[in-house]
C-alpha atoms as a PDB file:
ATOM      1  CA  MET A   1      19.710  31.718  -0.511  1.00  0.00           C
ATOM      2  CA  ARG A   2      23.257  32.460  -1.566  1.00  0.00           C
ATOM      3  CA  ALA A   3      25.266  29.454  -2.665  1.00  0.00           C
ATOM      4  CA  SER A   4      27.669  28.210   0.010  1.00  0.00           C
ATOM      5  CA  TRP A   5      30.765  28.907  -2.110  1.00  0.00           C
ATOM      6  CA  LEU A   6      30.078  32.636  -2.258  1.00  0.00           C
ATOM      7  CA  PRO A   7      32.409  34.629   0.006  1.00  0.00           C
ATOM      8  CA  GLN A   8      30.282  36.079   2.764  1.00  0.00           C
ATOM      9  CA  PRO A   9      30.597  39.880   2.995  1.00  0.00           C
ATOM     10  CA  THR A  10      32.869  40.924   5.836  1.00  0.00           C
ATOM     11  CA  PHE A  11      31.523  44.464   6.106  1.00  0.00           C
ATOM     12  CA  ALA A  12      34.701  45.512   7.944  1.00  0.00           C
ATOM     13  CA  PHE A  13      33.935  49.207   7.923  1.00  0.00           C
ATOM     14  CA  PRO A  14      36.698  50.549  10.215  1.00  0.00           C
ATOM     15  CA  ALA A  15      39.284  48.760   8.099  1.00  0.00           C
ATOM     16  CA  ILE A  16      38.429  50.833   5.046  1.00  0.00           C
ATOM     17  CA  VAL A  17      40.955  53.608   4.923  1.00  0.00           C
ATOM     18  CA  ALA A  18      40.161  57.164   3.992  1.00  0.00           C
ATOM     19  CA  CYS A  19      41.820  56.886   0.600  1.00  0.00           C
ATOM     20  CA  PHE A  20      39.362  54.227  -0.570  1.00  0.00           C
ATOM     21  CA  TYR A  21      37.501  56.458  -2.975  1.00  0.00           C
ATOM     22  CA  CYS A  22      40.813  57.271  -4.632  1.00  0.00           C
ATOM     23  CA  ALA A  23      41.108  53.560  -5.337  1.00  0.00           C
ATOM     24  CA  ALA A  24      37.871  53.745  -7.306  1.00  0.00           C
ATOM     25  CA  SER A  25      39.975  54.563 -10.294  1.00  0.00           C
ATOM     26  CA  ILE A  26      39.492  57.247 -12.915  1.00  0.00           C
ATOM     27  CA  ALA A  27      38.842  54.490 -15.441  1.00  0.00           C
ATOM     28  CA  PHE A  28      35.973  53.212 -13.320  1.00  0.00           C
ATOM     29  CA  ALA A  29      34.523  56.709 -12.989  1.00  0.00           C
ATOM     30  CA  GLN A  30      34.682  57.145 -16.752  1.00  0.00           C
ATOM     31  CA  ARG A  31      33.000  53.780 -17.301  1.00  0.00           C
ATOM     32  CA  CYS A  32      30.265  54.097 -14.683  1.00  0.00           C
ATOM     33  CA  GLY A  33      30.120  57.810 -13.881  1.00  0.00           C
ATOM     34  CA  GLU A  34      30.637  59.368 -10.496  1.00  0.00           C
ATOM     35  CA  PHE A  35      29.328  57.643  -7.381  1.00  0.00           C
ATOM     36  CA  ASP A  36      25.907  59.250  -6.899  1.00  0.00           C
ATOM     37  CA  LEU A  37      24.226  57.228  -4.148  1.00  0.00           C
ATOM     38  CA  ASP A  38      23.416  58.607  -0.696  1.00  0.00           C
ATOM     39  CA  PRO A  39      24.645  56.188   2.003  1.00  0.00           C
ATOM     40  CA  THR A  40      22.455  57.816   4.661  1.00  0.00           C
ATOM     41  CA  ALA A  41      19.327  56.903   2.688  1.00  0.00           C
ATOM     42  CA  TYR A  42      19.957  53.225   3.491  1.00  0.00           C
ATOM     43  CA  ALA A  43      20.743  53.625   7.184  1.00  0.00           C
ATOM     44  CA  ASP A  44      17.172  53.209   8.474  1.00  0.00           C
ATOM     45  CA  ILE A  45      15.967  50.452   6.141  1.00  0.00           C
ATOM     46  CA  ARG A  46      14.378  47.615   8.098  1.00  0.00           C
ATOM     47  CA  SER A  47      12.504  45.505   5.541  1.00  0.00           C
ATOM     48  CA  ASP A  48      12.841  43.986   2.081  1.00  0.00           C
ATOM     49  CA  ARG A  49      10.098  46.307   0.879  1.00  0.00           C
ATOM     50  CA  GLU A  50      11.923  49.423   2.077  1.00  0.00           C
ATOM     51  CA  LEU A  51      15.098  48.180   0.393  1.00  0.00           C
ATOM     52  CA  ARG A  52      13.231  47.661  -2.894  1.00  0.00           C
ATOM     53  CA  GLN A  53      11.798  51.180  -2.685  1.00  0.00           C
ATOM     54  CA  ARG A  54      15.224  52.722  -2.091  1.00  0.00           C
ATOM     55  CA  ILE A  55      16.928  50.688  -4.811  1.00  0.00           C
ATOM     56  CA  GLY A  56      14.118  51.518  -7.226  1.00  0.00           C
ATOM     57  CA  ALA A  57      14.685  55.234  -6.683  1.00  0.00           C
ATOM     58  CA  ASP A  58      18.437  54.900  -7.170  1.00  0.00           C
ATOM     59  CA  VAL A  59      18.410  52.611 -10.217  1.00  0.00           C
ATOM     60  CA  SER A  60      16.624  55.361 -12.139  1.00  0.00           C
ATOM     61  CA  LYS A  61      19.882  57.323 -12.033  1.00  0.00           C
ATOM     62  CA  TYR A  62      21.477  54.573 -14.155  1.00  0.00           C
ATOM     63  CA  ARG A  63      18.847  54.590 -16.890  1.00  0.00           C
ATOM     64  CA  ASP A  64      19.458  56.580 -20.057  1.00  0.00           C
ATOM     65  CA  SER A  65      16.897  58.367 -22.209  1.00  0.00           C
ATOM     66  CA  GLY A  66      16.500  55.291 -24.409  1.00  0.00           C
ATOM     67  CA  GLY A  67      15.545  53.048 -21.500  1.00  0.00           C
ATOM     68  CA  ALA A  68      18.890  51.195 -21.234  1.00  0.00           C
ATOM     69  CA  VAL A  69      19.899  50.507 -17.632  1.00  0.00           C
ATOM     70  CA  SER A  70      23.522  50.000 -16.548  1.00  0.00           C
ATOM     71  CA  MET A  71      22.893  47.380 -13.880  1.00  0.00           C
ATOM     72  CA  GLU A  72      26.571  46.480 -13.582  1.00  0.00           C
ATOM     73  CA  CYS A  73      27.483  50.052 -12.685  1.00  0.00           C
ATOM     74  CA  PHE A  74      24.644  50.342 -10.194  1.00  0.00           C
ATOM     75  CA  ALA A  75      25.661  47.015  -8.615  1.00  0.00           C
ATOM     76  CA  ARG A  76      29.288  48.085  -8.226  1.00  0.00           C
ATOM     77  CA  HIS A  77      28.276  51.433  -6.748  1.00  0.00           C
ATOM     78  CA  TYR A  78      25.804  49.678  -4.454  1.00  0.00           C
ATOM     79  CA  THR A  79      28.616  47.521  -3.101  1.00  0.00           C
ATOM     80  CA  MET A  80      30.504  50.716  -2.220  1.00  0.00           C
ATOM     81  CA  LEU A  81      27.585  52.050  -0.143  1.00  0.00           C
ATOM     82  CA  GLY A  82      28.444  50.112   3.013  1.00  0.00           C
ATOM     83  CA  ASP A  83      31.996  51.366   3.328  1.00  0.00           C
ATOM     84  CA  ARG A  84      32.446  53.403   6.521  1.00  0.00           C
ATOM     85  CA  GLN A  85      28.726  52.984   7.299  1.00  0.00           C
ATOM     86  CA  PRO A  86      26.887  51.222  10.180  1.00  0.00           C
ATOM     87  CA  TYR A  87      25.603  48.636   7.706  1.00  0.00           C
ATOM     88  CA  GLY A  88      26.986  46.437   4.954  1.00  0.00           C
ATOM     89  CA  THR A  89      26.118  46.030   1.287  1.00  0.00           C
ATOM     90  CA  ASN A  90      26.806  43.308  -1.236  1.00  0.00           C
ATOM     91  CA  SER A  91      25.741  42.680  -4.841  1.00  0.00           C
ATOM     92  CA  TRP A  92      26.047  39.695  -7.152  1.00  0.00           C
ATOM     93  CA  ILE A  93      24.761  38.422 -10.473  1.00  0.00           C
ATOM     94  CA  ARG A  94      23.572  34.889 -11.253  1.00  0.00           C
ATOM     95  CA  LEU A  95      23.114  33.264 -14.635  1.00  0.00           C
ATOM     96  CA  GLY A  96      21.731  29.759 -15.040  1.00  0.00           C
ATOM     97  CA  GLU A  97      20.574  27.075 -12.618  1.00  0.00           C
ATOM     98  CA  SER A  98      18.104  28.500 -10.105  1.00  0.00           C
ATOM     99  CA  ALA A  99      17.804  31.855 -11.889  1.00  0.00           C
ATOM    100  CA  LEU A 100      14.400  31.938 -13.582  1.00  0.00           C
ATOM    101  CA  HIS A 101      15.535  35.143 -15.269  1.00  0.00           C
ATOM    102  CA  GLU A 102      19.018  35.690 -16.656  1.00  0.00           C
ATOM    103  CA  PRO A 103      20.823  37.576 -15.479  1.00  0.00           C
ATOM    104  CA  LEU A 104      19.402  37.903 -11.971  1.00  0.00           C
ATOM    105  CA  TYR A 105      20.737  40.891 -10.005  1.00  0.00           C
ATOM    106  CA  ASN A 106      20.893  40.367  -6.231  1.00  0.00           C
ATOM    107  CA  PHE A 107      21.338  43.088  -3.608  1.00  0.00           C
ATOM    108  CA  ASP A 108      21.912  42.464   0.094  1.00  0.00           C
ATOM    109  CA  LEU A 109      21.799  44.877   3.025  1.00  0.00           C
ATOM    110  CA  LEU A 110      23.130  43.782   6.422  1.00  0.00           C
ATOM    111  CA  VAL A 111      22.246  45.744   9.561  1.00  0.00           C
ATOM    112  CA  TRP A 112      22.771  45.175  13.284  1.00  0.00           C
ATOM    113  CA  GLU A 113      19.708  45.380  15.517  1.00  0.00           C
ATOM    114  CA  LYS A 114      19.283  45.095  19.273  1.00  0.00           C
ATOM    115  CA  GLN A 115      17.582  41.976  20.526  1.00  0.00           C
ATOM    116  CA  ASN A 116      14.434  42.334  22.586  1.00  0.00           C
ATOM    117  CA  GLY A 117      15.126  42.785  26.280  1.00  0.00           C
ATOM    118  CA  ASN A 118      18.891  43.302  26.122  1.00  0.00           C
ATOM    119  CA  ASP A 119      21.620  45.379  24.536  1.00  0.00           C
ATOM    120  CA  MET A 120      22.992  42.519  22.452  1.00  0.00           C
ATOM    121  CA  LYS A 121      22.968  43.148  18.711  1.00  0.00           C
ATOM    122  CA  THR A 122      22.387  40.567  16.010  1.00  0.00           C
ATOM    123  CA  SER A 123      22.809  40.850  12.263  1.00  0.00           C
ATOM    124  CA  VAL A 124      19.727  40.982  10.060  1.00  0.00           C
ATOM    125  CA  ALA A 125      19.879  40.711   6.268  1.00  0.00           C
ATOM    126  CA  TYR A 126      17.449  42.240   3.794  1.00  0.00           C
ATOM    127  CA  GLY A 127      17.451  41.504   0.092  1.00  0.00           C
ATOM    128  CA  ALA A 128      16.150  42.615  -3.275  1.00  0.00           C
ATOM    129  CA  ARG A 129      16.354  40.946  -6.683  1.00  0.00           C
ATOM    130  CA  LEU A 130      15.965  42.609 -10.078  1.00  0.00           C
ATOM    131  CA  ALA A 131      15.623  41.082 -13.538  1.00  0.00           C
ATOM    132  CA  PHE A 132      14.674  42.070 -17.066  1.00  0.00           C
ATOM    133  CA  ALA A 133      11.471  40.311 -18.137  1.00  0.00           C
ATOM    134  CA  ASP A 134       9.295  40.917 -21.190  1.00  0.00           C
ATOM    135  CA  GLY A 135      10.894  44.270 -21.917  1.00  0.00           C
ATOM    136  CA  ALA A 136      10.508  45.532 -18.342  1.00  0.00           C
ATOM    137  CA  LEU A 137      12.748  45.765 -15.275  1.00  0.00           C
ATOM    138  CA  VAL A 138      11.039  44.007 -12.363  1.00  0.00           C
ATOM    139  CA  PHE A 139      11.651  43.012  -8.776  1.00  0.00           C
ATOM    140  CA  VAL A 140      11.229  39.252  -8.305  1.00  0.00           C
ATOM    141  CA  ASP A 141      10.824  36.980  -5.296  1.00  0.00           C
ATOM    142  CA  ASP A 142      13.009  34.040  -4.271  1.00  0.00           C
ATOM    143  CA  GLU A 143      11.361  31.827  -6.899  1.00  0.00           C
ATOM    144  CA  GLY A 144      11.776  34.419  -9.646  1.00  0.00           C
ATOM    145  CA  ALA A 145       8.119  35.470  -9.820  1.00  0.00           C
ATOM    146  CA  PRO A 146       7.622  39.211 -10.517  1.00  0.00           C
ATOM    147  CA  ILE A 147       6.357  41.137  -7.494  1.00  0.00           C
ATOM    148  CA  GLN A 148       6.790  44.747  -8.639  1.00  0.00           C
ATOM    149  CA  THR A 149       7.528  46.454 -11.944  1.00  0.00           C
ATOM    150  CA  LEU A 150      10.177  49.141 -11.701  1.00  0.00           C
ATOM    151  CA  PHE A 151      10.231  50.259 -15.362  1.00  0.00           C
ATOM    152  CA  GLU A 152       7.613  49.228 -17.909  1.00  0.00           C
ATOM    153  CA  GLU A 153      10.133  49.659 -20.721  1.00  0.00           C
ATOM    154  CA  ALA A 154      13.749  48.861 -19.986  1.00  0.00           C
ATOM    155  CA  ALA A 155      16.667  46.904 -21.351  1.00  0.00           C
ATOM    156  CA  ALA A 156      20.154  46.021 -20.220  1.00  0.00           C
ATOM    157  CA  GLU A 157      22.913  48.350 -21.309  1.00  0.00           C
ATOM    158  CA  PRO A 158      24.133  47.109 -24.721  1.00  0.00           C
ATOM    159  CA  ARG A 159      27.519  45.410 -24.746  1.00  0.00           C
ATOM    160  CA  ILE A 160      29.951  44.800 -27.593  1.00  0.00           C
ATOM    161  CA  CYS A 161      31.433  41.366 -26.945  1.00  0.00           C
ATOM    162  CA  PRO A 162      34.285  39.650 -28.790  1.00  0.00           C
ATOM    163  CA  ALA A 163      33.931  36.169 -30.229  1.00  0.00           C
ATOM    164  CA  SER A 164      33.472  33.500 -27.599  1.00  0.00           C
ATOM    165  CA  PRO A 165      36.718  31.832 -26.468  1.00  0.00           C
ATOM    166  CA  PHE A 166      34.879  28.668 -25.393  1.00  0.00           C
ATOM    167  CA  ASP A 167      34.607  25.434 -27.373  1.00  0.00           C
ATOM    168  CA  PRO A 168      31.682  23.365 -26.022  1.00  0.00           C
ATOM    169  CA  ARG A 169      33.504  20.172 -26.963  1.00  0.00           C
ATOM    170  CA  ASP A 170      36.147  20.950 -24.342  1.00  0.00           C
ATOM    171  CA  PHE A 171      33.545  21.210 -21.582  1.00  0.00           C
ATOM    172  CA  ALA A 172      31.289  18.318 -22.608  1.00  0.00           C
ATOM    173  CA  ASN A 173      33.035  15.775 -20.375  1.00  0.00           C
ATOM    174  CA  VAL A 174      34.561  17.891 -17.615  1.00  0.00           C
ATOM    175  CA  ARG A 175      35.098  15.691 -14.550  1.00  0.00           C
ATOM    176  CA  GLY A 176      37.298  17.712 -12.223  1.00  0.00           C
ATOM    177  CA  LYS A 177      37.914  21.113 -10.643  1.00  0.00           C
ATOM    178  CA  ARG A 178      41.453  21.222 -11.996  1.00  0.00           C
ATOM    179  CA  GLU A 179      40.225  20.419 -15.506  1.00  0.00           C
ATOM    180  CA  ILE A 180      37.641  23.196 -15.639  1.00  0.00           C
ATOM    181  CA  GLY A 181      40.145  25.578 -14.049  1.00  0.00           C
ATOM    182  CA  GLN A 182      42.670  24.843 -16.799  1.00  0.00           C
ATOM    183  CA  LEU A 183      40.055  25.303 -19.532  1.00  0.00           C
ATOM    184  CA  LEU A 184      38.967  28.636 -18.090  1.00  0.00           C
ATOM    185  CA  GLU A 185      42.575  29.739 -17.714  1.00  0.00           C
ATOM    186  CA  GLN A 186      43.223  29.009 -21.393  1.00  0.00           C
ATOM    187  CA  SER A 187      40.203  31.092 -22.396  1.00  0.00           C
ATOM    188  CA  ILE A 188      41.212  33.989 -20.137  1.00  0.00           C
ATOM    189  CA  ARG A 189      44.769  33.997 -21.446  1.00  0.00           C
ATOM    190  CA  ALA A 190      43.533  33.947 -25.041  1.00  0.00           C
ATOM    191  CA  LEU A 191      41.319  36.979 -24.419  1.00  0.00           C
ATOM    192  CA  MET A 192      44.080  38.840 -22.591  1.00  0.00           C
ATOM    193  CA  GLU A 193      46.471  38.293 -25.487  1.00  0.00           C
ATOM    194  CA  THR A 194      43.990  39.447 -28.136  1.00  0.00           C
ATOM    195  CA  LYS A 195      41.937  42.089 -26.278  1.00  0.00           C
ATOM    196  CA  GLY A 196      44.117  43.129 -23.340  1.00  0.00           C
ATOM    197  CA  GLU A 197      41.132  43.294 -20.975  1.00  0.00           C
ATOM    198  CA  ILE A 198      38.152  41.078 -20.208  1.00  0.00           C
ATOM    199  CA  ASP A 199      34.507  42.063 -20.014  1.00  0.00           C
ATOM    200  CA  TRP A 200      33.390  39.547 -17.400  1.00  0.00           C
ATOM    201  CA  LEU A 201      29.699  39.852 -18.199  1.00  0.00           C
ATOM    202  CA  CYS A 202      30.485  39.059 -21.831  1.00  0.00           C
ATOM    203  CA  LEU A 203      32.551  36.079 -20.719  1.00  0.00           C
ATOM    204  CA  ALA A 204      29.711  34.909 -18.471  1.00  0.00           C
ATOM    205  CA  GLU A 205      27.228  35.134 -21.344  1.00  0.00           C
ATOM    206  CA  ASP A 206      29.622  33.226 -23.629  1.00  0.00           C
ATOM    207  CA  PHE A 207      29.929  30.518 -20.989  1.00  0.00           C
ATOM    208  CA  MET A 208      26.131  30.313 -20.675  1.00  0.00           C
ATOM    209  CA  ASP A 209      25.799  29.929 -24.451  1.00  0.00           C
ATOM    210  CA  MET A 210      27.203  26.410 -24.023  1.00  0.00           C
ATOM    211  CA  ASP A 211      24.229  25.353 -21.897  1.00  0.00           C
ATOM    212  CA  ASP A 212      22.281  23.961 -24.860  1.00  0.00           C
ATOM    213  CA  ARG A 213      25.344  22.525 -26.551  1.00  0.00           C
ATOM    214  CA  ILE A 214      26.601  20.104 -23.911  1.00  0.00           C
ATOM    215  CA  SER A 215      24.830  17.239 -22.159  1.00  0.00           C
ATOM    216  CA  GLY A 216      25.184  18.836 -18.729  1.00  0.00           C
ATOM    217  CA  SER A 217      24.318  22.350 -17.573  1.00  0.00           C
ATOM    218  CA  VAL A 218      26.329  25.472 -16.790  1.00  0.00           C
ATOM    219  CA  SER A 219      25.912  28.447 -14.478  1.00  0.00           C
ATOM    220  CA  VAL A 220      27.816  31.596 -13.503  1.00  0.00           C
ATOM    221  CA  ASP A 221      27.885  33.703 -10.337  1.00  0.00           C
ATOM    222  CA  LEU A 222      29.548  37.119 -10.336  1.00  0.00           C
ATOM    223  CA  ILE A 223      30.235  38.968  -7.081  1.00  0.00           C
ATOM    224  CA  LEU A 224      30.888  42.538  -8.125  1.00  0.00           C
ATOM    225  CA  GLU A 225      33.372  44.671  -6.242  1.00  0.00           C
ATOM    226  CA  GLU A 226      34.902  48.036  -6.888  1.00  0.00           C
ATOM    227  CA  PRO A 227      36.554  49.398  -8.912  1.00  0.00           C
ATOM    228  CA  ARG A 228      35.644  47.587 -12.129  1.00  0.00           C
ATOM    229  CA  PRO A 229      36.553  44.804 -12.982  1.00  0.00           C
ATOM    230  CA  LYS A 230      37.316  43.667  -9.419  1.00  0.00           C
ATOM    231  CA  GLY A 231      35.299  40.721  -8.156  1.00  0.00           C
ATOM    232  CA  VAL A 232      34.981  36.997  -7.548  1.00  0.00           C
ATOM    233  CA  TYR A 233      33.532  34.985 -10.427  1.00  0.00           C
ATOM    234  CA  ARG A 234      32.478  31.333 -10.400  1.00  0.00           C
ATOM    235  CA  PHE A 235      31.948  29.231 -13.555  1.00  0.00           C
ATOM    236  CA  THR A 236      30.236  25.878 -12.981  1.00  0.00           C
ATOM    237  CA  VAL A 237      29.618  22.791 -15.113  1.00  0.00           C
ATOM    238  CA  ARG A 238      27.137  20.246 -13.813  1.00  0.00           C
ATOM    239  CA  ASN A 239      27.880  16.948 -15.528  1.00  0.00           C
ATOM    240  CA  VAL A 240      26.153  14.259 -13.504  1.00  0.00           C
ATOM    241  CA  LYS A 241      26.941  10.646 -14.453  1.00  0.00           C
ATOM    242  CA  LEU A 242      25.421   7.405 -13.217  1.00  0.00           C
ATOM    243  CA  VAL A 243      28.267   6.938 -10.750  1.00  0.00           C
ATOM    244  CA  ASP A 244      27.441  10.302  -9.162  1.00  0.00           C
ATOM    245  CA  ARG A 245      23.872   9.165  -8.554  1.00  0.00           C
ATOM    246  CA  LEU A 246      24.961   5.831  -7.097  1.00  0.00           C
ATOM    247  CA  ILE A 247      27.736   7.160  -4.875  1.00  0.00           C
ATOM    248  CA  VAL A 248      26.841  10.426  -3.179  1.00  0.00           C
ATOM    249  CA  ALA A 249      29.848  11.652  -1.213  1.00  0.00           C
ATOM    250  CA  PRO A 250      29.323  14.368   1.432  1.00  0.00           C
ATOM    251  CA  GLY A 251      31.569  17.252   0.483  1.00  0.00           C
ATOM    252  CA  GLY A 252      32.314  15.660  -2.874  1.00  0.00           C
ATOM    253  CA  SER A 253      31.664  17.140  -6.296  1.00  0.00           C
ATOM    254  CA  ASN A 254      28.684  14.853  -7.018  1.00  0.00           C
ATOM    255  CA  GLY A 255      29.011  15.754 -10.674  1.00  0.00           C
ATOM    256  CA  GLU A 256      29.370  19.516 -10.200  1.00  0.00           C
ATOM    257  CA  PHE A 257      32.691  21.139 -11.031  1.00  0.00           C
ATOM    258  CA  ALA A 258      33.535  24.812 -10.675  1.00  0.00           C
ATOM    259  CA  ALA A 259      36.354  27.213 -11.429  1.00  0.00           C
ATOM    260  CA  ILE A 260      36.541  30.313  -9.232  1.00  0.00           C
ATOM    261  CA  VAL A 261      38.366  33.385 -10.501  1.00  0.00           C
ATOM    262  CA  ARG A 262      39.598  36.263  -8.335  1.00  0.00           C
ATOM    263  CA  VAL A 263      40.071  39.547 -10.209  1.00  0.00           C
ATOM    264  CA  GLU A 264      41.950  42.402  -8.530  1.00  0.00           C
ATOM    265  CA  ALA A 265      42.658  44.482 -11.646  1.00  0.00           C
ATOM    266  CA  PRO A 266      42.436  44.054 -15.430  1.00  0.00           C
ATOM    267  CA  ASP A 267      45.875  42.417 -15.472  1.00  0.00           C
ATOM    268  CA  ARG A 268      45.736  40.840 -11.991  1.00  0.00           C
ATOM    269  CA  ILE A 269      43.718  37.623 -12.256  1.00  0.00           C
ATOM    270  CA  ALA A 270      43.947  34.382 -10.285  1.00  0.00           C
ATOM    271  CA  ILE A 271      42.391  30.936 -10.375  1.00  0.00           C
ATOM    272  CA  VAL A 272      41.314  29.983  -6.845  1.00  0.00           C
ATOM    273  CA  GLU A 273      42.534  26.458  -6.171  1.00  0.00           C
ATOM    274  CA  ARG A 274      41.638  24.001  -3.429  1.00  0.00           C
ATOM    275  CA  GLY A 275      42.278  25.387   0.021  1.00  0.00           C
ATOM    276  CA  GLY A 276      41.637  28.932  -1.185  1.00  0.00           C
ATOM    277  CA  ASN A 277      45.117  29.304  -2.685  1.00  0.00           C
ATOM    278  CA  TYR A 278      45.486  31.803  -5.531  1.00  0.00           C
ATOM    279  CA  ARG A 279      47.326  30.881  -8.710  1.00  0.00           C
ATOM    280  CA  TRP A 280      48.005  34.207 -10.421  1.00  0.00           C
ATOM    281  CA  LEU A 281      47.840  34.014 -14.184  1.00  0.00           C
ATOM    282  CA  ASP A 282      50.447  36.708 -14.622  1.00  0.00           C
ATOM    283  CA  ALA A 283      52.959  34.452 -12.861  1.00  0.00           C
ATOM    284  CA  ARG A 284      54.290  32.216 -15.634  1.00  0.00           C
END
């Protein structure tokens, strides 16, 4: 089940204006290639199995001759499928915590079906999860157990990542949302000043590298939007102390602290503060 913090997809199809595909910038097309998915192929899907079959056929378009699969590009294109369609699509990546495999690629399809005996429609969600395991690309169930092998030999698209901007010592004793937000902001600003643009999957992997170097645990969730690098990204430190176990406060942190980042463009990045307010990093 999706974590409660994750923005639920609105699937507001009529609100998407005709110029949307122009907004999928030339840079995105160069990075991920042209959008090559058929929206009509998803219109009649009515089960998780059918969704897996359709995704399996489409992911093959993102696999090169050497077996490398660009899952980020497929995920971003998948998110675009539901625009101006009678269904909705959403994709997100999880690293850490409940993900038996890292990263875990999640794909949702939301359709509206008539209820039995009346003309009322209700929303029904179908899902598929993909992960790289033992040199293969496999579909997994909710617990992470493989249920179907898509490619016997496959690997994630190679990435060239800069040096990590994170110092585990800074995150070892994080005890507040504001504190982790400030630490993440410092790291983002440092990368922007030296590299000019952030590879968010690289940053997520750097963040996860701290998992074995601090007493707590870390996790990352990436909701991918279009065009790249648009999305909502959550970085979490779980640092449970004795006081958290003794005093469990409903709605409180209970030892878990997260920084949520909203990315609209390479140079348009915000830390999401309490109440959903955006603090744009380009506003000094």
